[in-house]
């Protein structure tokens, strides 16, 4: 399991502050979690003020493309957000 950030993200950065492995990146329009780095701790989820973060198994069907986006995103050469 990993966590997925969806379109509701307002980039408030509370999630990045609690991530112990710095796996949250700035994808421009919203933050994105690198599924290869995420350790599934869940600390980010309750910090999101707009409920934009879901465990991948609870991701609403209409938001599945965010899971695909996170898996296919090019993280090379990027630093984690904040």
PDB file of N, CA and C in Angstrom:
ATOM      1  N   UNK A   1       0.844  -1.178   0.000  1.00  0.00           N
ATOM      2  CA  UNK A   1       0.000   0.000   0.000  1.00  0.00           C
ATOM      3  C   UNK A   1       0.889   1.241   0.000  1.00  0.00           C
ATOM      4  N   UNK A   2       0.398   2.268  -0.638  1.00  0.00           N
ATOM      5  CA  UNK A   2       1.042   3.576  -0.616  1.00  0.00           C
ATOM      6  C   UNK A   2      -0.063   4.624  -0.547  1.00  0.00           C
ATOM      7  N   UNK A   3       0.316   5.848  -0.380  1.00  0.00           N
ATOM      8  CA  UNK A   3      -0.658   6.931  -0.319  1.00  0.00           C
ATOM      9  C   UNK A   3      -0.625   7.720  -1.612  1.00  0.00           C
ATOM     10  N   UNK A   4      -1.770   8.308  -1.962  1.00  0.00           N
ATOM     11  CA  UNK A   4      -1.928   9.040  -3.220  1.00  0.00           C
ATOM     12  C   UNK A   4      -2.519  10.412  -2.912  1.00  0.00           C
ATOM     13  N   UNK A   5      -1.927  11.443  -3.507  1.00  0.00           N
ATOM     14  CA  UNK A   5      -2.450  12.801  -3.356  1.00  0.00           C
ATOM     15  C   UNK A   5      -3.256  13.137  -4.610  1.00  0.00           C
ATOM     16  N   UNK A   6      -4.438  13.697  -4.415  1.00  0.00           N
ATOM     17  CA  UNK A   6      -5.359  13.971  -5.512  1.00  0.00           C
ATOM     18  C   UNK A   6      -5.493  15.469  -5.785  1.00  0.00           C
ATOM     19  N   UNK A   7      -6.357  15.803  -6.726  1.00  0.00           N
ATOM     20  CA  UNK A   7      -6.517  17.176  -7.215  1.00  0.00           C
ATOM     21  C   UNK A   7      -6.937  18.190  -6.165  1.00  0.00           C
ATOM     22  N   UNK A   8      -7.488  17.745  -5.069  1.00  0.00           N
ATOM     23  CA  UNK A   8      -7.921  18.680  -4.028  1.00  0.00           C
ATOM     24  C   UNK A   8      -6.747  19.339  -3.305  1.00  0.00           C
ATOM     25  N   UNK A   9      -5.542  18.853  -3.532  1.00  0.00           N
ATOM     26  CA  UNK A   9      -4.342  19.361  -2.858  1.00  0.00           C
ATOM     27  C   UNK A   9      -4.188  20.869  -3.073  1.00  0.00           C
ATOM     28  N   UNK A  10      -3.962  21.567  -1.967  1.00  0.00           N
ATOM     29  CA  UNK A  10      -3.734  23.013  -2.034  1.00  0.00           C
ATOM     30  C   UNK A  10      -2.286  23.362  -1.695  1.00  0.00           C
ATOM     31  N   UNK A  11      -1.439  22.364  -1.609  1.00  0.00           N
ATOM     32  CA  UNK A  11      -0.014  22.520  -1.332  1.00  0.00           C
ATOM     33  C   UNK A  11       0.231  23.313  -0.046  1.00  0.00           C
ATOM     34  N   UNK A  12      -0.512  22.974   0.992  1.00  0.00           N
ATOM     35  CA  UNK A  12      -0.358  23.640   2.276  1.00  0.00           C
ATOM     36  C   UNK A  12       0.908  23.191   2.999  1.00  0.00           C
ATOM     37  N   UNK A  13       1.480  22.083   2.611  1.00  0.00           N
ATOM     38  CA  UNK A  13       2.769  21.571   3.076  1.00  0.00           C
ATOM     39  C   UNK A  13       2.777  20.941   4.464  1.00  0.00           C
ATOM     40  N   UNK A  14       1.635  20.776   5.089  1.00  0.00           N
ATOM     41  CA  UNK A  14       1.623  20.084   6.376  1.00  0.00           C
ATOM     42  C   UNK A  14       2.058  18.631   6.202  1.00  0.00           C
ATOM     43  N   UNK A  15       1.679  18.041   5.090  1.00  0.00           N
ATOM     44  CA  UNK A  15       2.036  16.648   4.822  1.00  0.00           C
ATOM     45  C   UNK A  15       3.545  16.487   4.660  1.00  0.00           C
ATOM     46  N   UNK A  16       4.174  17.433   4.009  1.00  0.00           N
ATOM     47  CA  UNK A  16       5.623  17.332   3.790  1.00  0.00           C
ATOM     48  C   UNK A  16       6.393  17.462   5.098  1.00  0.00           C
ATOM     49  N   UNK A  17       5.858  18.224   6.024  1.00  0.00           N
ATOM     50  CA  UNK A  17       6.534  18.444   7.305  1.00  0.00           C
ATOM     51  C   UNK A  17       6.591  17.184   8.160  1.00  0.00           C
ATOM     52  N   UNK A  18       5.632  16.284   7.991  1.00  0.00           N
ATOM     53  CA  UNK A  18       5.587  15.078   8.828  1.00  0.00           C
ATOM     54  C   UNK A  18       6.121  13.831   8.140  1.00  0.00           C
ATOM     55  N   UNK A  19       6.399  13.905   6.861  1.00  0.00           N
ATOM     56  CA  UNK A  19       6.864  12.724   6.123  1.00  0.00           C
ATOM     57  C   UNK A  19       8.287  12.351   6.572  1.00  0.00           C
ATOM     58  N   UNK A  20       8.458  11.163   7.164  1.00  0.00           N
ATOM     59  CA  UNK A  20       9.781  10.780   7.670  1.00  0.00           C
ATOM     60  C   UNK A  20      10.788  10.393   6.591  1.00  0.00           C
ATOM     61  N   UNK A  21      10.307  10.154   5.364  1.00  0.00           N
ATOM     62  CA  UNK A  21      11.224   9.739   4.298  1.00  0.00           C
ATOM     63  C   UNK A  21      11.285  10.723   3.136  1.00  0.00           C
ATOM     64  N   UNK A  22      10.648  11.877   3.282  1.00  0.00           N
ATOM     65  CA  UNK A  22      10.670  12.912   2.234  1.00  0.00           C
ATOM     66  C   UNK A  22      10.309  12.356   0.861  1.00  0.00           C
ATOM     67  N   UNK A  23       9.146  11.721   0.767  1.00  0.00           N
ATOM     68  CA  UNK A  23       8.723  11.123  -0.506  1.00  0.00           C
ATOM     69  C   UNK A  23       7.650  11.949  -1.214  1.00  0.00           C
ATOM     70  N   UNK A  24       7.410  13.175  -0.750  1.00  0.00           N
ATOM     71  CA  UNK A  24       6.389  14.037  -1.349  1.00  0.00           C
ATOM     72  C   UNK A  24       7.076  15.105  -2.196  1.00  0.00           C
ATOM     73  N   UNK A  25       6.658  15.195  -3.450  1.00  0.00           N
ATOM     74  CA  UNK A  25       7.273  16.094  -4.422  1.00  0.00           C
ATOM     75  C   UNK A  25       6.249  17.080  -4.963  1.00  0.00           C
ATOM     76  N   UNK A  26       6.743  18.187  -5.494  1.00  0.00           N
ATOM     77  CA  UNK A  26       5.894  19.202  -6.102  1.00  0.00           C
ATOM     78  C   UNK A  26       5.726  18.876  -7.573  1.00  0.00           C
ATOM     79  N   UNK A  27       4.509  18.515  -7.963  1.00  0.00           N
ATOM     80  CA  UNK A  27       4.216  18.170  -9.356  1.00  0.00           C
ATOM     81  C   UNK A  27       3.647  19.360 -10.116  1.00  0.00           C
ATOM     82  N   UNK A  28       3.774  20.535  -9.554  1.00  0.00           N
ATOM     83  CA  UNK A  28       3.280  21.747 -10.211  1.00  0.00           C
ATOM     84  C   UNK A  28       1.899  22.124  -9.733  1.00  0.00           C
ATOM     85  N   UNK A  29       0.887  21.369 -10.132  1.00  0.00           N
ATOM     86  CA  UNK A  29      -0.483  21.694  -9.763  1.00  0.00           C
ATOM     87  C   UNK A  29      -0.893  21.117  -8.411  1.00  0.00           C
ATOM     88  N   UNK A  30      -0.152  20.138  -7.933  1.00  0.00           N
ATOM     89  CA  UNK A  30      -0.395  19.551  -6.607  1.00  0.00           C
ATOM     90  C   UNK A  30       0.833  18.744  -6.203  1.00  0.00           C
ATOM     91  N   UNK A  31       0.887  18.360  -4.939  1.00  0.00           N
ATOM     92  CA  UNK A  31       1.972  17.498  -4.491  1.00  0.00           C
ATOM     93  C   UNK A  31       1.704  16.080  -4.967  1.00  0.00           C
ATOM     94  N   UNK A  32       2.760  15.274  -4.974  1.00  0.00           N
ATOM     95  CA  UNK A  32       2.656  13.890  -5.437  1.00  0.00           C
ATOM     96  C   UNK A  32       3.572  13.031  -4.567  1.00  0.00           C
ATOM     97  N   UNK A  33       3.125  11.836  -4.241  1.00  0.00           N
ATOM     98  CA  UNK A  33       3.902  10.916  -3.408  1.00  0.00           C
ATOM     99  C   UNK A  33       4.569   9.876  -4.296  1.00  0.00           C
ATOM    100  N   UNK A  34       5.880   9.749  -4.147  1.00  0.00           N
ATOM    101  CA  UNK A  34       6.616   8.737  -4.903  1.00  0.00           C
ATOM    102  C   UNK A  34       6.312   7.374  -4.279  1.00  0.00           C
ATOM    103  N   UNK A  35       5.594   6.495  -4.999  1.00  0.00           N
ATOM    104  CA  UNK A  35       5.215   5.201  -4.425  1.00  0.00           C
ATOM    105  C   UNK A  35       6.407   4.282  -4.153  1.00  0.00           C
ATOM    106  N   UNK A  36       7.538   4.539  -4.791  1.00  0.00           N
ATOM    107  CA  UNK A  36       8.736   3.736  -4.551  1.00  0.00           C
ATOM    108  C   UNK A  36       9.420   4.119  -3.243  1.00  0.00           C
ATOM    109  N   UNK A  37       9.177   5.322  -2.769  1.00  0.00           N
ATOM    110  CA  UNK A  37       9.810   5.815  -1.545  1.00  0.00           C
ATOM    111  C   UNK A  37       8.887   5.784  -0.325  1.00  0.00           C
ATOM    112  N   UNK A  38       7.596   5.815  -0.558  1.00  0.00           N
ATOM    113  CA  UNK A  38       6.615   5.849   0.524  1.00  0.00           C
ATOM    114  C   UNK A  38       6.721   4.573   1.369  1.00  0.00           C
ATOM    115  N   UNK A  39       6.780   4.753   2.690  1.00  0.00           N
ATOM    116  CA  UNK A  39       6.862   3.598   3.591  1.00  0.00           C
ATOM    117  C   UNK A  39       5.507   3.278   4.233  1.00  0.00           C
ATOM    118  N   UNK A  40       4.463   3.881   3.733  1.00  0.00           N
ATOM    119  CA  UNK A  40       3.098   3.598   4.166  1.00  0.00           C
ATOM    120  C   UNK A  40       2.855   3.885   5.645  1.00  0.00           C
ATOM    121  N   UNK A  41       3.504   4.892   6.162  1.00  0.00           N
ATOM    122  CA  UNK A  41       3.350   5.213   7.586  1.00  0.00           C
ATOM    123  C   UNK A  41       2.010   5.892   7.869  1.00  0.00           C
ATOM    124  N   UNK A  42       1.470   6.600   6.878  1.00  0.00           N
ATOM    125  CA  UNK A  42       0.181   7.251   7.037  1.00  0.00           C
ATOM    126  C   UNK A  42       0.205   8.578   7.768  1.00  0.00           C
ATOM    127  N   UNK A  43       1.372   9.079   8.111  1.00  0.00           N
ATOM    128  CA  UNK A  43       1.440  10.339   8.852  1.00  0.00           C
ATOM    129  C   UNK A  43       0.918  11.528   8.048  1.00  0.00           C
ATOM    130  N   UNK A  44       1.043  11.479   6.742  1.00  0.00           N
ATOM    131  CA  UNK A  44       0.612  12.585   5.892  1.00  0.00           C
ATOM    132  C   UNK A  44      -0.910  12.732   5.843  1.00  0.00           C
ATOM    133  N   UNK A  45      -1.597  11.622   5.862  1.00  0.00           N
ATOM    134  CA  UNK A  45      -3.040  11.618   5.654  1.00  0.00           C
ATOM    135  C   UNK A  45      -3.793  12.537   6.604  1.00  0.00           C
ATOM    136  N   UNK A  46      -3.651  12.415   7.920  1.00  0.00           N
ATOM    137  CA  UNK A  46      -4.433  13.292   8.808  1.00  0.00           C
ATOM    138  C   UNK A  46      -3.982  14.754   8.802  1.00  0.00           C
ATOM    139  N   UNK A  47      -2.813  15.040   8.245  1.00  0.00           N
ATOM    140  CA  UNK A  47      -2.315  16.418   8.203  1.00  0.00           C
ATOM    141  C   UNK A  47      -2.911  17.234   7.066  1.00  0.00           C
ATOM    142  N   UNK A  48      -3.473  16.573   6.073  1.00  0.00           N
ATOM    143  CA  UNK A  48      -4.011  17.277   4.904  1.00  0.00           C
ATOM    144  C   UNK A  48      -5.289  18.029   5.277  1.00  0.00           C
ATOM    145  N   UNK A  49      -5.290  19.363   5.133  1.00  0.00           N
ATOM    146  CA  UNK A  49      -6.458  20.147   5.534  1.00  0.00           C
ATOM    147  C   UNK A  49      -7.653  20.025   4.586  1.00  0.00           C
ATOM    148  N   UNK A  50      -7.430  19.437   3.405  1.00  0.00           N
ATOM    149  CA  UNK A  50      -8.527  19.322   2.436  1.00  0.00           C
ATOM    150  C   UNK A  50      -8.836  17.871   2.067  1.00  0.00           C
ATOM    151  N   UNK A  51      -8.327  16.940   2.836  1.00  0.00           N
ATOM    152  CA  UNK A  51      -8.582  15.506   2.606  1.00  0.00           C
ATOM    153  C   UNK A  51      -8.254  15.065   1.176  1.00  0.00           C
ATOM    154  N   UNK A  52      -7.092  15.485   0.703  1.00  0.00           N
ATOM    155  CA  UNK A  52      -6.665  15.134  -0.651  1.00  0.00           C
ATOM    156  C   UNK A  52      -5.818  13.857  -0.697  1.00  0.00           C
ATOM    157  N   UNK A  53      -5.492  13.279   0.460  1.00  0.00           N
ATOM    158  CA  UNK A  53      -4.607  12.121   0.511  1.00  0.00           C
ATOM    159  C   UNK A  53      -5.400  10.873   0.883  1.00  0.00           C
ATOM    160  N   UNK A  54      -5.198   9.813   0.082  1.00  0.00           N
ATOM    161  CA  UNK A  54      -5.895   8.549   0.298  1.00  0.00           C
ATOM    162  C   UNK A  54      -4.910   7.387   0.315  1.00  0.00           C
ATOM    163  N   UNK A  55      -5.187   6.356   1.122  1.00  0.00           N
ATOM    164  CA  UNK A  55      -4.443   5.110   0.922  1.00  0.00           C
ATOM    165  C   UNK A  55      -4.846   4.593  -0.460  1.00  0.00           C
ATOM    166  N   UNK A  56      -3.929   3.986  -1.194  1.00  0.00           N
ATOM    167  CA  UNK A  56      -4.256   3.598  -2.571  1.00  0.00           C
ATOM    168  C   UNK A  56      -5.460   2.668  -2.671  1.00  0.00           C
ATOM    169  N   UNK A  57      -5.681   1.852  -1.669  1.00  0.00           N
ATOM    170  CA  UNK A  57      -6.817   0.926  -1.726  1.00  0.00           C
ATOM    171  C   UNK A  57      -8.163   1.610  -1.440  1.00  0.00           C
ATOM    172  N   UNK A  58      -8.153   2.850  -0.957  1.00  0.00           N
ATOM    173  CA  UNK A  58      -9.381   3.600  -0.701  1.00  0.00           C
ATOM    174  C   UNK A  58      -9.585   4.738  -1.703  1.00  0.00           C
ATOM    175  N   UNK A  59      -8.755   4.801  -2.695  1.00  0.00           N
ATOM    176  CA  UNK A  59      -8.838   5.863  -3.694  1.00  0.00           C
ATOM    177  C   UNK A  59     -10.143   5.728  -4.477  1.00  0.00           C
ATOM    178  N   UNK A  60     -10.958   6.786  -4.526  1.00  0.00           N
ATOM    179  CA  UNK A  60     -12.195   6.720  -5.309  1.00  0.00           C
ATOM    180  C   UNK A  60     -11.886   6.386  -6.778  1.00  0.00           C
ATOM    181  N   UNK A  61     -12.736   5.608  -7.373  1.00  0.00           N
ATOM    182  CA  UNK A  61     -12.520   5.143  -8.744  1.00  0.00           C
ATOM    183  C   UNK A  61     -12.249   6.282  -9.717  1.00  0.00           C
ATOM    184  N   UNK A  62     -12.956   7.395  -9.557  1.00  0.00           N
ATOM    185  CA  UNK A  62     -12.778   8.518 -10.476  1.00  0.00           C
ATOM    186  C   UNK A  62     -11.439   9.230 -10.282  1.00  0.00           C
ATOM    187  N   UNK A  63     -10.677   8.842  -9.257  1.00  0.00           N
ATOM    188  CA  UNK A  63      -9.370   9.449  -8.999  1.00  0.00           C
ATOM    189  C   UNK A  63      -8.207   8.476  -9.225  1.00  0.00           C
ATOM    190  N   UNK A  64      -8.486   7.324  -9.776  1.00  0.00           N
ATOM    191  CA  UNK A  64      -7.452   6.312 -10.017  1.00  0.00           C
ATOM    192  C   UNK A  64      -6.300   6.842 -10.878  1.00  0.00           C
ATOM    193  N   UNK A  65      -6.583   7.822 -11.741  1.00  0.00           N
ATOM    194  CA  UNK A  65      -5.528   8.353 -12.603  1.00  0.00           C
ATOM    195  C   UNK A  65      -4.414   9.038 -11.802  1.00  0.00           C
ATOM    196  N   UNK A  66      -4.701   9.456 -10.562  1.00  0.00           N
ATOM    197  CA  UNK A  66      -3.649  10.045  -9.725  1.00  0.00           C
ATOM    198  C   UNK A  66      -2.662   8.981  -9.244  1.00  0.00           C
ATOM    199  N   UNK A  67      -3.141   7.776  -9.063  1.00  0.00           N
ATOM    200  CA  UNK A  67      -2.265   6.651  -8.709  1.00  0.00           C
ATOM    201  C   UNK A  67      -1.328   6.345  -9.876  1.00  0.00           C
ATOM    202  N   UNK A  68      -1.877   6.340 -11.074  1.00  0.00           N
ATOM    203  CA  UNK A  68      -1.085   6.106 -12.284  1.00  0.00           C
ATOM    204  C   UNK A  68      -0.083   7.237 -12.482  1.00  0.00           C
ATOM    205  N   UNK A  69      -0.528   8.473 -12.285  1.00  0.00           N
ATOM    206  CA  UNK A  69       0.357   9.630 -12.437  1.00  0.00           C
ATOM    207  C   UNK A  69       1.543   9.524 -11.489  1.00  0.00           C
ATOM    208  N   UNK A  70       1.289   9.157 -10.240  1.00  0.00           N
ATOM    209  CA  UNK A  70       2.363   9.032  -9.254  1.00  0.00           C
ATOM    210  C   UNK A  70       3.341   7.924  -9.644  1.00  0.00           C
ATOM    211  N   UNK A  71       2.837   6.828 -10.171  1.00  0.00           N
ATOM    212  CA  UNK A  71       3.692   5.702 -10.557  1.00  0.00           C
ATOM    213  C   UNK A  71       4.540   6.027 -11.782  1.00  0.00           C
ATOM    214  N   UNK A  72       4.017   6.846 -12.685  1.00  0.00           N
ATOM    215  CA  UNK A  72       4.708   7.143 -13.939  1.00  0.00           C
ATOM    216  C   UNK A  72       5.471   8.469 -13.925  1.00  0.00           C
ATOM    217  N   UNK A  73       5.327   9.243 -12.868  1.00  0.00           N
ATOM    218  CA  UNK A  73       5.967  10.558 -12.773  1.00  0.00           C
ATOM    219  C   UNK A  73       7.489  10.416 -12.772  1.00  0.00           C
ATOM    220  N   UNK A  74       8.176  11.337 -13.421  1.00  0.00           N
ATOM    221  CA  UNK A  74       9.646  11.321 -13.465  1.00  0.00           C
ATOM    222  C   UNK A  74      10.195  12.121 -12.277  1.00  0.00           C
ATOM    223  N   UNK A  75      10.645  11.414 -11.264  1.00  0.00           N
ATOM    224  CA  UNK A  75      11.167  12.035 -10.052  1.00  0.00           C
ATOM    225  C   UNK A  75      12.666  12.324 -10.148  1.00  0.00           C
ATOM    226  N   UNK A  76      13.300  11.890 -11.219  1.00  0.00           N
ATOM    227  CA  UNK A  76      14.756  12.047 -11.341  1.00  0.00           C
ATOM    228  C   UNK A  76      15.136  13.525 -11.354  1.00  0.00           C
ATOM    229  N   UNK A  77      16.167  13.843 -10.621  1.00  0.00           N
ATOM    230  CA  UNK A  77      16.656  15.209 -10.567  1.00  0.00           C
ATOM    231  C   UNK A  77      15.825  16.154  -9.728  1.00  0.00           C
ATOM    232  N   UNK A  78      14.801  15.641  -9.068  1.00  0.00           N
ATOM    233  CA  UNK A  78      13.933  16.484  -8.242  1.00  0.00           C
ATOM    234  C   UNK A  78      14.267  16.321  -6.769  1.00  0.00           C
ATOM    235  N   UNK A  79      14.057  17.367  -6.035  1.00  0.00           N
ATOM    236  CA  UNK A  79      14.177  17.336  -4.580  1.00  0.00           C
ATOM    237  C   UNK A  79      12.756  17.227  -4.004  1.00  0.00           C
ATOM    238  N   UNK A  80      12.609  16.565  -2.876  1.00  0.00           N
ATOM    239  CA  UNK A  80      11.282  16.527  -2.247  1.00  0.00           C
ATOM    240  C   UNK A  80      10.787  17.941  -1.943  1.00  0.00           C
ATOM    241  N   UNK A  81       9.466  18.095  -1.887  1.00  0.00           N
ATOM    242  CA  UNK A  81       8.863  19.398  -1.581  1.00  0.00           C
ATOM    243  C   UNK A  81       9.262  19.819  -0.175  1.00  0.00           C
ATOM    244  N   UNK A  82       9.655  21.050  -0.036  1.00  0.00           N
ATOM    245  CA  UNK A  82      10.007  21.681   1.229  1.00  0.00           C
ATOM    246  C   UNK A  82      10.935  20.797   1.973  1.00  0.00           C
TER     247      UNK A  82
END
